């Protein structure tokens, strides 16, 4: 997978914050706030007194956090002085259970400890387009966490957006078309671009690749010189398992060649035939997604992004179906780590 555009001209800034009044019962150790210009996204939780340990507090308030996350879709924990990878992974476990291994990969990451990984290892001068994590995959995490060990010298924000609002922005006719046709994802491995299939599937055994694909409805085509092409068809809209609401949840825009930054897109299109592109998307029947539709989808994502500057020790928790995230270019160093939790396989794939 290659880097995507991320035009954030319409993004909101995490500037003025105002407190919201919440009856938190036993949660007098924390205070909750939101953004003036985005009053419901994200929810910001801070310690109300010195010395509050986020791990211990989270263990005692798991139900509260789960309900608040479903309401607000994103929670930023700030000023809790989280310092280590181990503590970050323990916080994930306290809220959601054990962190997940990164499987059926689409972006390069480095495992830094336990099941914690670097955020996507793309060049620092490139942006990453808004997306839901693993939305192309038959099984994906319901929760994704980010931890700021060190912010960038400049830039490097992780803009986030509400999937609910993205859904509302999309023309109902476009939504209906994707409901009817679904989305086809085509991926190619071993052509010198993107991840090799051995990394994506975490095996060098072709039989294991074929078994995984067969069990998940993914078509496999082995090409010459140990290269691989896969095709899979999946839904564009899913029902959230807890809230019951319909959610725009797919990689139709993110994986499409037209969403790549122009220099990378032009290089690929002049180097490879369309069927050999690292990733591309179509309607589920294999027909082309219209450029005007893709442009509208990109606009829907970009207009809902909220941007904030990382602070050392920040932990961001997202409901992966209700929130999208992106990345802005940065001046190194920057160390943002990622953990995923709560694997979910929709009924369409189970």
C-alpha atoms as a PDB file:
ATOM      1  CA  UNK A   1       0.000   0.000   0.000  1.00  0.00           C
ATOM      2  CA  UNK A   2       1.289   3.452  -0.881  1.00  0.00           C
ATOM      3  CA  UNK A   3       0.741   6.903   0.553  1.00  0.00           C
ATOM      4  CA  UNK A   4      -2.431   8.840  -0.137  1.00  0.00           C
ATOM      5  CA  UNK A   5      -3.348  12.489  -0.419  1.00  0.00           C
ATOM      6  CA  UNK A   6      -4.521  14.255   2.712  1.00  0.00           C
ATOM      7  CA  UNK A   7      -5.856  17.695   1.939  1.00  0.00           C
ATOM      8  CA  UNK A   8      -6.773  19.148   5.287  1.00  0.00           C
ATOM      9  CA  UNK A   9      -7.834  22.641   4.272  1.00  0.00           C
ATOM     10  CA  UNK A  10     -11.218  22.101   5.890  1.00  0.00           C
ATOM     11  CA  UNK A  11      -9.831  20.619   9.101  1.00  0.00           C
ATOM     12  CA  UNK A  12     -10.728  21.932  12.533  1.00  0.00           C
ATOM     13  CA  UNK A  13      -7.986  22.747  15.017  1.00  0.00           C
ATOM     14  CA  UNK A  14      -7.753  21.575  18.620  1.00  0.00           C
ATOM     15  CA  UNK A  15      -7.507  25.079  20.013  1.00  0.00           C
ATOM     16  CA  UNK A  16      -9.967  26.460  22.496  1.00  0.00           C
ATOM     17  CA  UNK A  17     -11.359  23.727  24.709  1.00  0.00           C
ATOM     18  CA  UNK A  18     -14.405  24.135  26.921  1.00  0.00           C
ATOM     19  CA  UNK A  19     -15.513  21.795  29.650  1.00  0.00           C
ATOM     20  CA  UNK A  20     -18.713  19.818  29.424  1.00  0.00           C
ATOM     21  CA  UNK A  21     -20.809  19.002  32.446  1.00  0.00           C
ATOM     22  CA  UNK A  22     -21.075  15.261  32.986  1.00  0.00           C
ATOM     23  CA  UNK A  23     -22.316  13.283  35.959  1.00  0.00           C
ATOM     24  CA  UNK A  24     -19.466  10.810  36.243  1.00  0.00           C
ATOM     25  CA  UNK A  25     -20.354   9.306  39.618  1.00  0.00           C
ATOM     26  CA  UNK A  26     -17.187   7.693  40.909  1.00  0.00           C
ATOM     27  CA  UNK A  27     -15.118   9.375  38.213  1.00  0.00           C
ATOM     28  CA  UNK A  28     -14.364  12.493  40.265  1.00  0.00           C
ATOM     29  CA  UNK A  29     -10.685  11.828  39.585  1.00  0.00           C
ATOM     30  CA  UNK A  30     -11.105  12.957  35.977  1.00  0.00           C
ATOM     31  CA  UNK A  31     -12.545  15.879  34.089  1.00  0.00           C
ATOM     32  CA  UNK A  32     -14.004  15.819  30.592  1.00  0.00           C
ATOM     33  CA  UNK A  33     -13.795  18.478  27.913  1.00  0.00           C
ATOM     34  CA  UNK A  34     -14.506  19.042  24.268  1.00  0.00           C
ATOM     35  CA  UNK A  35     -13.537  21.290  21.411  1.00  0.00           C
ATOM     36  CA  UNK A  36     -15.369  24.575  20.954  1.00  0.00           C
ATOM     37  CA  UNK A  37     -15.744  24.097  17.207  1.00  0.00           C
ATOM     38  CA  UNK A  38     -16.546  20.386  17.386  1.00  0.00           C
ATOM     39  CA  UNK A  39     -18.614  19.908  20.541  1.00  0.00           C
ATOM     40  CA  UNK A  40     -19.036  16.156  20.276  1.00  0.00           C
ATOM     41  CA  UNK A  41     -15.738  14.993  18.790  1.00  0.00           C
ATOM     42  CA  UNK A  42     -13.425  13.990  20.288  1.00  0.00           C
ATOM     43  CA  UNK A  43     -14.106  13.682  24.000  1.00  0.00           C
ATOM     44  CA  UNK A  44     -11.035  14.794  25.970  1.00  0.00           C
ATOM     45  CA  UNK A  45     -10.405  13.166  29.368  1.00  0.00           C
ATOM     46  CA  UNK A  46      -7.836  14.646  31.778  1.00  0.00           C
ATOM     47  CA  UNK A  47      -6.946  14.015  35.417  1.00  0.00           C
ATOM     48  CA  UNK A  48      -8.819  16.325  37.791  1.00  0.00           C
ATOM     49  CA  UNK A  49      -6.110  15.973  40.442  1.00  0.00           C
ATOM     50  CA  UNK A  50      -2.409  15.216  40.308  1.00  0.00           C
ATOM     51  CA  UNK A  51      -1.151  11.657  40.236  1.00  0.00           C
ATOM     52  CA  UNK A  52      -4.121   9.896  38.627  1.00  0.00           C
ATOM     53  CA  UNK A  53      -2.880   6.664  37.056  1.00  0.00           C
ATOM     54  CA  UNK A  54      -4.654   6.082  33.745  1.00  0.00           C
ATOM     55  CA  UNK A  55      -4.160   2.312  33.840  1.00  0.00           C
ATOM     56  CA  UNK A  56      -5.633   1.922  37.317  1.00  0.00           C
ATOM     57  CA  UNK A  57      -8.467   4.337  36.581  1.00  0.00           C
ATOM     58  CA  UNK A  58      -9.314   2.624  33.278  1.00  0.00           C
ATOM     59  CA  UNK A  59      -9.506  -0.780  34.971  1.00  0.00           C
ATOM     60  CA  UNK A  60     -12.122   0.592  37.385  1.00  0.00           C
ATOM     61  CA  UNK A  61     -14.098   2.482  34.757  1.00  0.00           C
ATOM     62  CA  UNK A  62     -14.202   0.162  31.770  1.00  0.00           C
ATOM     63  CA  UNK A  63     -17.994   0.304  31.333  1.00  0.00           C
ATOM     64  CA  UNK A  64     -17.974   4.092  31.525  1.00  0.00           C
ATOM     65  CA  UNK A  65     -15.295   4.301  28.831  1.00  0.00           C
ATOM     66  CA  UNK A  66     -17.055   1.830  26.566  1.00  0.00           C
ATOM     67  CA  UNK A  67     -20.327   3.776  26.741  1.00  0.00           C
ATOM     68  CA  UNK A  68     -18.618   7.148  26.238  1.00  0.00           C
ATOM     69  CA  UNK A  69     -16.712   5.806  23.240  1.00  0.00           C
ATOM     70  CA  UNK A  70     -19.920   4.628  21.569  1.00  0.00           C
ATOM     71  CA  UNK A  71     -21.397   8.080  22.158  1.00  0.00           C
ATOM     72  CA  UNK A  72     -18.435  10.203  21.059  1.00  0.00           C
ATOM     73  CA  UNK A  73     -16.514   7.722  18.812  1.00  0.00           C
ATOM     74  CA  UNK A  74     -13.120   9.121  19.910  1.00  0.00           C
ATOM     75  CA  UNK A  75     -11.522   9.771  23.306  1.00  0.00           C
ATOM     76  CA  UNK A  76      -8.240  11.617  23.835  1.00  0.00           C
ATOM     77  CA  UNK A  77      -6.548  10.918  27.198  1.00  0.00           C
ATOM     78  CA  UNK A  78      -4.226  13.795  28.036  1.00  0.00           C
ATOM     79  CA  UNK A  79      -1.896  14.734  30.946  1.00  0.00           C
ATOM     80  CA  UNK A  80      -1.858  11.245  32.482  1.00  0.00           C
ATOM     81  CA  UNK A  81       1.912  10.903  31.971  1.00  0.00           C
ATOM     82  CA  UNK A  82       1.853   7.557  30.198  1.00  0.00           C
ATOM     83  CA  UNK A  83       5.529   6.769  29.585  1.00  0.00           C
ATOM     84  CA  UNK A  84       6.129   3.270  28.260  1.00  0.00           C
ATOM     85  CA  UNK A  85       5.109   0.789  25.589  1.00  0.00           C
ATOM     86  CA  UNK A  86       4.271  -1.734  28.296  1.00  0.00           C
ATOM     87  CA  UNK A  87       1.928   0.687  30.057  1.00  0.00           C
ATOM     88  CA  UNK A  88       0.251   1.546  26.753  1.00  0.00           C
ATOM     89  CA  UNK A  89      -0.417  -2.132  26.014  1.00  0.00           C
ATOM     90  CA  UNK A  90      -1.725  -2.648  29.558  1.00  0.00           C
ATOM     91  CA  UNK A  91      -4.129   0.280  29.115  1.00  0.00           C
ATOM     92  CA  UNK A  92      -5.502  -1.349  25.961  1.00  0.00           C
ATOM     93  CA  UNK A  93      -5.946  -4.629  27.844  1.00  0.00           C
ATOM     94  CA  UNK A  94      -7.672  -2.864  30.738  1.00  0.00           C
ATOM     95  CA  UNK A  95     -10.263  -1.308  28.424  1.00  0.00           C
ATOM     96  CA  UNK A  96     -10.678  -3.852  25.625  1.00  0.00           C
ATOM     97  CA  UNK A  97      -8.766  -7.021  26.364  1.00  0.00           C
ATOM     98  CA  UNK A  98      -5.573  -8.255  24.749  1.00  0.00           C
ATOM     99  CA  UNK A  99      -4.125  -6.240  21.866  1.00  0.00           C
ATOM    100  CA  UNK A 100      -4.259  -7.896  18.447  1.00  0.00           C
ATOM    101  CA  UNK A 101      -1.529  -9.163  16.190  1.00  0.00           C
ATOM    102  CA  UNK A 102      -1.316  -7.144  12.962  1.00  0.00           C
ATOM    103  CA  UNK A 103      -2.500  -9.608  10.276  1.00  0.00           C
ATOM    104  CA  UNK A 104      -3.553  -9.383   6.617  1.00  0.00           C
ATOM    105  CA  UNK A 105      -1.464  -6.241   6.359  1.00  0.00           C
ATOM    106  CA  UNK A 106      -1.796  -3.276   4.036  1.00  0.00           C
ATOM    107  CA  UNK A 107       0.777  -0.846   5.394  1.00  0.00           C
ATOM    108  CA  UNK A 108       4.350  -1.178   6.673  1.00  0.00           C
ATOM    109  CA  UNK A 109       4.681  -1.190  10.452  1.00  0.00           C
ATOM    110  CA  UNK A 110       7.428  -2.195  12.874  1.00  0.00           C
ATOM    111  CA  UNK A 111       6.596  -4.298  15.926  1.00  0.00           C
ATOM    112  CA  UNK A 112       8.128  -2.525  18.935  1.00  0.00           C
ATOM    113  CA  UNK A 113       7.005  -4.768  21.785  1.00  0.00           C
ATOM    114  CA  UNK A 114       4.210  -7.187  22.613  1.00  0.00           C
ATOM    115  CA  UNK A 115       1.503  -6.457  20.058  1.00  0.00           C
ATOM    116  CA  UNK A 116       2.313  -2.781  19.750  1.00  0.00           C
ATOM    117  CA  UNK A 117       3.471  -1.368  16.426  1.00  0.00           C
ATOM    118  CA  UNK A 118       4.698   1.858  14.943  1.00  0.00           C
ATOM    119  CA  UNK A 119       2.119   3.907  13.119  1.00  0.00           C
ATOM    120  CA  UNK A 120       2.434   3.461   9.366  1.00  0.00           C
ATOM    121  CA  UNK A 121       6.086   3.683   8.295  1.00  0.00           C
ATOM    122  CA  UNK A 122       5.613   5.972   5.292  1.00  0.00           C
ATOM    123  CA  UNK A 123       8.145   8.717   4.451  1.00  0.00           C
ATOM    124  CA  UNK A 124       7.748  11.731   6.710  1.00  0.00           C
ATOM    125  CA  UNK A 125       7.131  14.157   3.836  1.00  0.00           C
ATOM    126  CA  UNK A 126       4.018  12.270   2.729  1.00  0.00           C
ATOM    127  CA  UNK A 127       0.478  12.327   4.071  1.00  0.00           C
ATOM    128  CA  UNK A 128      -1.947   9.462   4.611  1.00  0.00           C
ATOM    129  CA  UNK A 129      -5.549   9.801   3.470  1.00  0.00           C
ATOM    130  CA  UNK A 130      -8.392   9.381   6.032  1.00  0.00           C
ATOM    131  CA  UNK A 131      -9.569   5.804   6.530  1.00  0.00           C
ATOM    132  CA  UNK A 132     -10.960   3.243   8.973  1.00  0.00           C
ATOM    133  CA  UNK A 133      -8.299   0.740   9.964  1.00  0.00           C
ATOM    134  CA  UNK A 134      -8.492  -2.602   8.115  1.00  0.00           C
ATOM    135  CA  UNK A 135     -11.816  -1.704   6.469  1.00  0.00           C
ATOM    136  CA  UNK A 136     -10.799  -3.909   3.524  1.00  0.00           C
ATOM    137  CA  UNK A 137     -10.388  -6.971   5.748  1.00  0.00           C
ATOM    138  CA  UNK A 138     -13.003  -9.656   6.507  1.00  0.00           C
ATOM    139  CA  UNK A 139     -11.930  -9.367  10.166  1.00  0.00           C
ATOM    140  CA  UNK A 140     -10.974  -5.984  11.585  1.00  0.00           C
ATOM    141  CA  UNK A 141     -10.439  -4.328  14.989  1.00  0.00           C
ATOM    142  CA  UNK A 142     -13.368  -2.531  16.585  1.00  0.00           C
ATOM    143  CA  UNK A 143     -10.913  -0.395  18.571  1.00  0.00           C
ATOM    144  CA  UNK A 144      -7.643   1.272  17.644  1.00  0.00           C
ATOM    145  CA  UNK A 145      -5.342   3.122  20.053  1.00  0.00           C
ATOM    146  CA  UNK A 146      -2.528   5.613  19.408  1.00  0.00           C
ATOM    147  CA  UNK A 147       0.205   6.565  21.898  1.00  0.00           C
ATOM    148  CA  UNK A 148       2.501   9.567  21.564  1.00  0.00           C
ATOM    149  CA  UNK A 149       5.944   8.660  22.887  1.00  0.00           C
ATOM    150  CA  UNK A 150       7.374  11.767  21.217  1.00  0.00           C
ATOM    151  CA  UNK A 151       5.643  14.314  18.980  1.00  0.00           C
ATOM    152  CA  UNK A 152       7.180  15.450  15.719  1.00  0.00           C
ATOM    153  CA  UNK A 153       9.491  18.441  15.621  1.00  0.00           C
ATOM    154  CA  UNK A 154       6.899  19.937  13.291  1.00  0.00           C
ATOM    155  CA  UNK A 155       3.602  18.644  11.860  1.00  0.00           C
ATOM    156  CA  UNK A 156       2.811  14.954  12.180  1.00  0.00           C
ATOM    157  CA  UNK A 157      -0.752  15.391  13.403  1.00  0.00           C
ATOM    158  CA  UNK A 158      -3.177  12.464  13.273  1.00  0.00           C
ATOM    159  CA  UNK A 159      -6.403  14.092  12.036  1.00  0.00           C
ATOM    160  CA  UNK A 160      -9.545  12.219  13.037  1.00  0.00           C
ATOM    161  CA  UNK A 161     -13.112  12.384  11.783  1.00  0.00           C
ATOM    162  CA  UNK A 162     -16.578  11.062  12.514  1.00  0.00           C
ATOM    163  CA  UNK A 163     -17.701   8.218  10.256  1.00  0.00           C
ATOM    164  CA  UNK A 164     -21.263   9.152  11.164  1.00  0.00           C
ATOM    165  CA  UNK A 165     -20.816  12.581   9.600  1.00  0.00           C
ATOM    166  CA  UNK A 166     -19.008  11.165   6.573  1.00  0.00           C
ATOM    167  CA  UNK A 167     -21.968   8.844   6.017  1.00  0.00           C
ATOM    168  CA  UNK A 168     -24.374  11.787   6.187  1.00  0.00           C
ATOM    169  CA  UNK A 169     -22.373  13.746   3.610  1.00  0.00           C
ATOM    170  CA  UNK A 170     -22.456  11.025   0.961  1.00  0.00           C
ATOM    171  CA  UNK A 171     -25.230  11.315  -1.624  1.00  0.00           C
ATOM    172  CA  UNK A 172     -27.880   8.653  -0.819  1.00  0.00           C
ATOM    173  CA  UNK A 173     -27.808   7.582  -4.481  1.00  0.00           C
ATOM    174  CA  UNK A 174     -24.096   6.816  -4.173  1.00  0.00           C
ATOM    175  CA  UNK A 175     -24.671   4.928  -0.950  1.00  0.00           C
ATOM    176  CA  UNK A 176     -27.430   2.882  -2.591  1.00  0.00           C
ATOM    177  CA  UNK A 177     -25.192   2.077  -5.555  1.00  0.00           C
ATOM    178  CA  UNK A 178     -22.486   0.721  -3.242  1.00  0.00           C
ATOM    179  CA  UNK A 179     -25.039  -1.207  -1.190  1.00  0.00           C
ATOM    180  CA  UNK A 180     -26.208  -2.901  -4.389  1.00  0.00           C
ATOM    181  CA  UNK A 181     -22.825  -3.457  -6.051  1.00  0.00           C
ATOM    182  CA  UNK A 182     -20.460  -3.602  -3.042  1.00  0.00           C
ATOM    183  CA  UNK A 183     -16.693  -3.020  -3.449  1.00  0.00           C
ATOM    184  CA  UNK A 184     -14.005  -5.102  -5.144  1.00  0.00           C
ATOM    185  CA  UNK A 185     -10.463  -4.811  -3.809  1.00  0.00           C
ATOM    186  CA  UNK A 186      -7.646  -5.841  -6.115  1.00  0.00           C
ATOM    187  CA  UNK A 187      -4.151  -6.187  -4.641  1.00  0.00           C
ATOM    188  CA  UNK A 188      -0.853  -7.197  -6.237  1.00  0.00           C
ATOM    189  CA  UNK A 189       2.238  -8.400  -4.399  1.00  0.00           C
ATOM    190  CA  UNK A 190       5.807  -8.910  -5.546  1.00  0.00           C
ATOM    191  CA  UNK A 191       5.958  -6.333  -8.355  1.00  0.00           C
ATOM    192  CA  UNK A 192       8.375  -4.075  -6.520  1.00  0.00           C
ATOM    193  CA  UNK A 193       5.730  -1.783  -5.007  1.00  0.00           C
ATOM    194  CA  UNK A 194       3.944  -2.105  -1.675  1.00  0.00           C
ATOM    195  CA  UNK A 195       4.328  -4.994   0.744  1.00  0.00           C
ATOM    196  CA  UNK A 196       5.371  -8.508  -0.359  1.00  0.00           C
ATOM    197  CA  UNK A 197       2.771 -11.212   0.168  1.00  0.00           C
ATOM    198  CA  UNK A 198       5.040 -12.909   2.707  1.00  0.00           C
ATOM    199  CA  UNK A 199       4.706  -9.823   4.934  1.00  0.00           C
ATOM    200  CA  UNK A 200       0.993  -9.312   4.319  1.00  0.00           C
ATOM    201  CA  UNK A 201       0.081 -12.896   5.212  1.00  0.00           C
ATOM    202  CA  UNK A 202       2.936 -13.437   7.699  1.00  0.00           C
ATOM    203  CA  UNK A 203       4.015 -16.689   6.043  1.00  0.00           C
ATOM    204  CA  UNK A 204       6.216 -17.969   3.227  1.00  0.00           C
ATOM    205  CA  UNK A 205       3.930 -20.952   2.640  1.00  0.00           C
ATOM    206  CA  UNK A 206       1.703 -20.517  -0.414  1.00  0.00           C
ATOM    207  CA  UNK A 207      -0.659 -23.191   0.872  1.00  0.00           C
ATOM    208  CA  UNK A 208      -1.336 -21.184   4.020  1.00  0.00           C
ATOM    209  CA  UNK A 209      -2.012 -18.097   1.903  1.00  0.00           C
ATOM    210  CA  UNK A 210      -4.489 -20.052  -0.197  1.00  0.00           C
ATOM    211  CA  UNK A 211      -6.186 -21.501   2.894  1.00  0.00           C
ATOM    212  CA  UNK A 212      -6.617 -18.037   4.439  1.00  0.00           C
ATOM    213  CA  UNK A 213      -7.977 -16.598   1.213  1.00  0.00           C
ATOM    214  CA  UNK A 214     -10.350 -19.474   0.577  1.00  0.00           C
ATOM    215  CA  UNK A 215     -11.792 -19.224   4.079  1.00  0.00           C
ATOM    216  CA  UNK A 216     -12.351 -15.481   3.630  1.00  0.00           C
ATOM    217  CA  UNK A 217     -13.764 -15.406   0.097  1.00  0.00           C
ATOM    218  CA  UNK A 218     -10.613 -13.951  -1.479  1.00  0.00           C
ATOM    219  CA  UNK A 219      -9.724 -14.993  -5.028  1.00  0.00           C
ATOM    220  CA  UNK A 220      -6.057 -15.993  -5.475  1.00  0.00           C
ATOM    221  CA  UNK A 221      -4.064 -15.760  -8.707  1.00  0.00           C
ATOM    222  CA  UNK A 222      -0.391 -16.722  -8.621  1.00  0.00           C
ATOM    223  CA  UNK A 223       1.618 -14.908 -11.279  1.00  0.00           C
ATOM    224  CA  UNK A 224       5.087 -15.550 -12.679  1.00  0.00           C
ATOM    225  CA  UNK A 225       8.177 -15.025 -10.516  1.00  0.00           C
ATOM    226  CA  UNK A 226       6.413 -15.751  -7.228  1.00  0.00           C
ATOM    227  CA  UNK A 227       4.039 -12.815  -7.549  1.00  0.00           C
ATOM    228  CA  UNK A 228       0.450 -12.783  -6.332  1.00  0.00           C
ATOM    229  CA  UNK A 229      -2.794 -11.054  -7.270  1.00  0.00           C
ATOM    230  CA  UNK A 230      -5.893 -11.192  -5.059  1.00  0.00           C
ATOM    231  CA  UNK A 231      -9.451  -9.999  -5.548  1.00  0.00           C
ATOM    232  CA  UNK A 232     -12.152  -9.813  -2.935  1.00  0.00           C
ATOM    233  CA  UNK A 233     -15.642  -8.369  -2.833  1.00  0.00           C
ATOM    234  CA  UNK A 234     -17.039  -6.907   0.361  1.00  0.00           C
ATOM    235  CA  UNK A 235     -19.725  -4.546   1.639  1.00  0.00           C
ATOM    236  CA  UNK A 236     -19.342  -0.766   1.583  1.00  0.00           C
ATOM    237  CA  UNK A 237     -21.737  -0.217   4.483  1.00  0.00           C
ATOM    238  CA  UNK A 238     -21.892  -2.255   7.692  1.00  0.00           C
ATOM    239  CA  UNK A 239     -24.100  -2.351  10.767  1.00  0.00           C
ATOM    240  CA  UNK A 240     -22.291  -1.414  13.957  1.00  0.00           C
ATOM    241  CA  UNK A 241     -22.527  -4.410  16.327  1.00  0.00           C
ATOM    242  CA  UNK A 242     -23.217  -2.299  19.441  1.00  0.00           C
ATOM    243  CA  UNK A 243     -25.157   0.762  18.256  1.00  0.00           C
ATOM    244  CA  UNK A 244     -27.008  -0.890  15.358  1.00  0.00           C
ATOM    245  CA  UNK A 245     -26.405   2.119  13.095  1.00  0.00           C
ATOM    246  CA  UNK A 246     -25.337   1.750   9.466  1.00  0.00           C
ATOM    247  CA  UNK A 247     -21.755   2.884   8.906  1.00  0.00           C
ATOM    248  CA  UNK A 248     -19.799   3.799   5.772  1.00  0.00           C
ATOM    249  CA  UNK A 249     -16.900   1.369   6.274  1.00  0.00           C
ATOM    250  CA  UNK A 250     -14.675   0.406   3.340  1.00  0.00           C
ATOM    251  CA  UNK A 251     -11.414   1.128   1.516  1.00  0.00           C
ATOM    252  CA  UNK A 252     -13.035   2.015  -1.813  1.00  0.00           C
ATOM    253  CA  UNK A 253     -11.512   5.492  -1.716  1.00  0.00           C
ATOM    254  CA  UNK A 254      -8.314   4.748   0.213  1.00  0.00           C
ATOM    255  CA  UNK A 255      -7.171   1.891  -2.042  1.00  0.00           C
ATOM    256  CA  UNK A 256      -8.141   3.577  -5.325  1.00  0.00           C
ATOM    257  CA  UNK A 257      -5.219   4.665  -7.495  1.00  0.00           C
ATOM    258  CA  UNK A 258      -6.757   8.121  -7.999  1.00  0.00           C
ATOM    259  CA  UNK A 259      -6.403   8.877  -4.268  1.00  0.00           C
ATOM    260  CA  UNK A 260      -2.621   8.531  -4.363  1.00  0.00           C
ATOM    261  CA  UNK A 261      -0.489  11.655  -4.318  1.00  0.00           C
ATOM    262  CA  UNK A 262      -0.033  12.755  -7.962  1.00  0.00           C
ATOM    263  CA  UNK A 263       3.689  11.986  -8.286  1.00  0.00           C
ATOM    264  CA  UNK A 264       3.234   8.440  -6.981  1.00  0.00           C
ATOM    265  CA  UNK A 265       0.049   7.868  -8.983  1.00  0.00           C
ATOM    266  CA  UNK A 266       1.676   9.018 -12.224  1.00  0.00           C
ATOM    267  CA  UNK A 267       4.752   6.868 -11.593  1.00  0.00           C
ATOM    268  CA  UNK A 268       2.631   3.760 -11.053  1.00  0.00           C
ATOM    269  CA  UNK A 269       0.364   4.373 -14.044  1.00  0.00           C
ATOM    270  CA  UNK A 270       3.335   4.847 -16.369  1.00  0.00           C
ATOM    271  CA  UNK A 271       5.173   1.818 -14.945  1.00  0.00           C
ATOM    272  CA  UNK A 272       2.449  -0.788 -14.507  1.00  0.00           C
ATOM    273  CA  UNK A 273      -0.714  -1.876 -16.328  1.00  0.00           C
ATOM    274  CA  UNK A 274      -3.851  -1.205 -14.293  1.00  0.00           C
ATOM    275  CA  UNK A 275      -4.314  -4.864 -13.363  1.00  0.00           C
ATOM    276  CA  UNK A 276      -0.857  -4.895 -11.721  1.00  0.00           C
ATOM    277  CA  UNK A 277      -1.246  -1.823  -9.516  1.00  0.00           C
ATOM    278  CA  UNK A 278      -0.427  -2.507  -5.843  1.00  0.00           C
ATOM    279  CA  UNK A 279      -4.024  -1.699  -4.881  1.00  0.00           C
ATOM    280  CA  UNK A 280      -7.093  -0.533  -6.729  1.00  0.00           C
ATOM    281  CA  UNK A 281     -10.837  -0.680  -6.242  1.00  0.00           C
ATOM    282  CA  UNK A 282     -13.911  -1.271  -8.394  1.00  0.00           C
ATOM    283  CA  UNK A 283     -17.576  -1.867  -7.874  1.00  0.00           C
ATOM    284  CA  UNK A 284     -18.187  -5.417  -6.768  1.00  0.00           C
ATOM    285  CA  UNK A 285     -19.145  -6.477 -10.302  1.00  0.00           C
ATOM    286  CA  UNK A 286     -15.736  -5.325 -11.559  1.00  0.00           C
ATOM    287  CA  UNK A 287     -16.986  -2.132 -13.200  1.00  0.00           C
ATOM    288  CA  UNK A 288     -15.173   1.183 -12.819  1.00  0.00           C
ATOM    289  CA  UNK A 289     -16.044   3.553  -9.985  1.00  0.00           C
ATOM    290  CA  UNK A 290     -16.778   6.900 -11.604  1.00  0.00           C
ATOM    291  CA  UNK A 291     -14.204   9.693 -11.010  1.00  0.00           C
ATOM    292  CA  UNK A 292     -16.991  12.026  -9.875  1.00  0.00           C
ATOM    293  CA  UNK A 293     -18.056   9.517  -7.223  1.00  0.00           C
ATOM    294  CA  UNK A 294     -14.511   9.127  -5.949  1.00  0.00           C
ATOM    295  CA  UNK A 295     -14.106  12.906  -5.829  1.00  0.00           C
ATOM    296  CA  UNK A 296     -17.279  13.248  -3.770  1.00  0.00           C
ATOM    297  CA  UNK A 297     -16.164  10.523  -1.388  1.00  0.00           C
ATOM    298  CA  UNK A 298     -12.763  12.169  -0.890  1.00  0.00           C
ATOM    299  CA  UNK A 299     -14.464  15.475  -0.140  1.00  0.00           C
ATOM    300  CA  UNK A 300     -16.799  13.827   2.376  1.00  0.00           C
ATOM    301  CA  UNK A 301     -13.803  12.448   4.276  1.00  0.00           C
ATOM    302  CA  UNK A 302     -11.687  15.589   4.111  1.00  0.00           C
ATOM    303  CA  UNK A 303     -14.395  17.969   5.279  1.00  0.00           C
ATOM    304  CA  UNK A 304     -14.946  16.062   8.517  1.00  0.00           C
ATOM    305  CA  UNK A 305     -11.367  15.978   9.799  1.00  0.00           C
ATOM    306  CA  UNK A 306     -10.440  17.461  13.199  1.00  0.00           C
ATOM    307  CA  UNK A 307      -6.755  18.157  13.744  1.00  0.00           C
ATOM    308  CA  UNK A 308      -4.840  18.403  17.026  1.00  0.00           C
ATOM    309  CA  UNK A 309      -1.160  18.540  17.919  1.00  0.00           C
ATOM    310  CA  UNK A 310       0.226  15.568  19.794  1.00  0.00           C
ATOM    311  CA  UNK A 311       1.624  15.981  23.312  1.00  0.00           C
ATOM    312  CA  UNK A 312       4.019  13.483  24.860  1.00  0.00           C
ATOM    313  CA  UNK A 313       2.059  10.831  26.751  1.00  0.00           C
ATOM    314  CA  UNK A 314      -1.219  11.329  24.865  1.00  0.00           C
ATOM    315  CA  UNK A 315      -3.343   8.219  24.311  1.00  0.00           C
ATOM    316  CA  UNK A 316      -6.076   8.345  21.666  1.00  0.00           C
ATOM    317  CA  UNK A 317      -8.793   5.672  21.601  1.00  0.00           C
ATOM    318  CA  UNK A 318     -11.042   5.357  18.548  1.00  0.00           C
ATOM    319  CA  UNK A 319     -14.067   3.250  17.778  1.00  0.00           C
ATOM    320  CA  UNK A 320     -12.706   2.047  14.452  1.00  0.00           C
ATOM    321  CA  UNK A 321     -16.131   1.854  12.803  1.00  0.00           C
ATOM    322  CA  UNK A 322     -17.287   5.262  14.029  1.00  0.00           C
ATOM    323  CA  UNK A 323     -14.010   7.147  13.476  1.00  0.00           C
ATOM    324  CA  UNK A 324     -11.550   7.687  10.655  1.00  0.00           C
ATOM    325  CA  UNK A 325      -7.932   8.750  11.012  1.00  0.00           C
ATOM    326  CA  UNK A 326      -5.176  10.119   8.794  1.00  0.00           C
ATOM    327  CA  UNK A 327      -1.635  11.513   9.046  1.00  0.00           C
ATOM    328  CA  UNK A 328      -0.036  14.789   8.101  1.00  0.00           C
ATOM    329  CA  UNK A 329       3.574  15.194   6.916  1.00  0.00           C
ATOM    330  CA  UNK A 330       6.142  15.946   9.610  1.00  0.00           C
ATOM    331  CA  UNK A 331       9.694  16.884  10.487  1.00  0.00           C
ATOM    332  CA  UNK A 332      11.320  13.983  12.397  1.00  0.00           C
ATOM    333  CA  UNK A 333      11.704  12.708  14.996  1.00  0.00           C
ATOM    334  CA  UNK A 334       8.193  11.443  15.682  1.00  0.00           C
ATOM    335  CA  UNK A 335       7.162   8.288  17.535  1.00  0.00           C
ATOM    336  CA  UNK A 336       3.467   7.458  17.506  1.00  0.00           C
ATOM    337  CA  UNK A 337       2.631   3.857  18.406  1.00  0.00           C
ATOM    338  CA  UNK A 338      -0.483   1.847  17.594  1.00  0.00           C
ATOM    339  CA  UNK A 339      -2.390  -1.010  19.183  1.00  0.00           C
ATOM    340  CA  UNK A 340      -5.591  -2.664  17.967  1.00  0.00           C
ATOM    341  CA  UNK A 341      -8.212  -4.637  19.887  1.00  0.00           C
ATOM    342  CA  UNK A 342     -11.536  -6.479  19.703  1.00  0.00           C
ATOM    343  CA  UNK A 343     -11.497  -8.421  16.425  1.00  0.00           C
ATOM    344  CA  UNK A 344     -14.837  -8.434  14.626  1.00  0.00           C
ATOM    345  CA  UNK A 345     -16.055 -10.452  11.664  1.00  0.00           C
ATOM    346  CA  UNK A 346     -19.374  -9.161  10.259  1.00  0.00           C
ATOM    347  CA  UNK A 347     -22.051 -11.688   9.426  1.00  0.00           C
ATOM    348  CA  UNK A 348     -21.311 -11.186   5.718  1.00  0.00           C
ATOM    349  CA  UNK A 349     -17.953 -12.945   6.289  1.00  0.00           C
ATOM    350  CA  UNK A 350     -18.684 -15.260   9.212  1.00  0.00           C
END
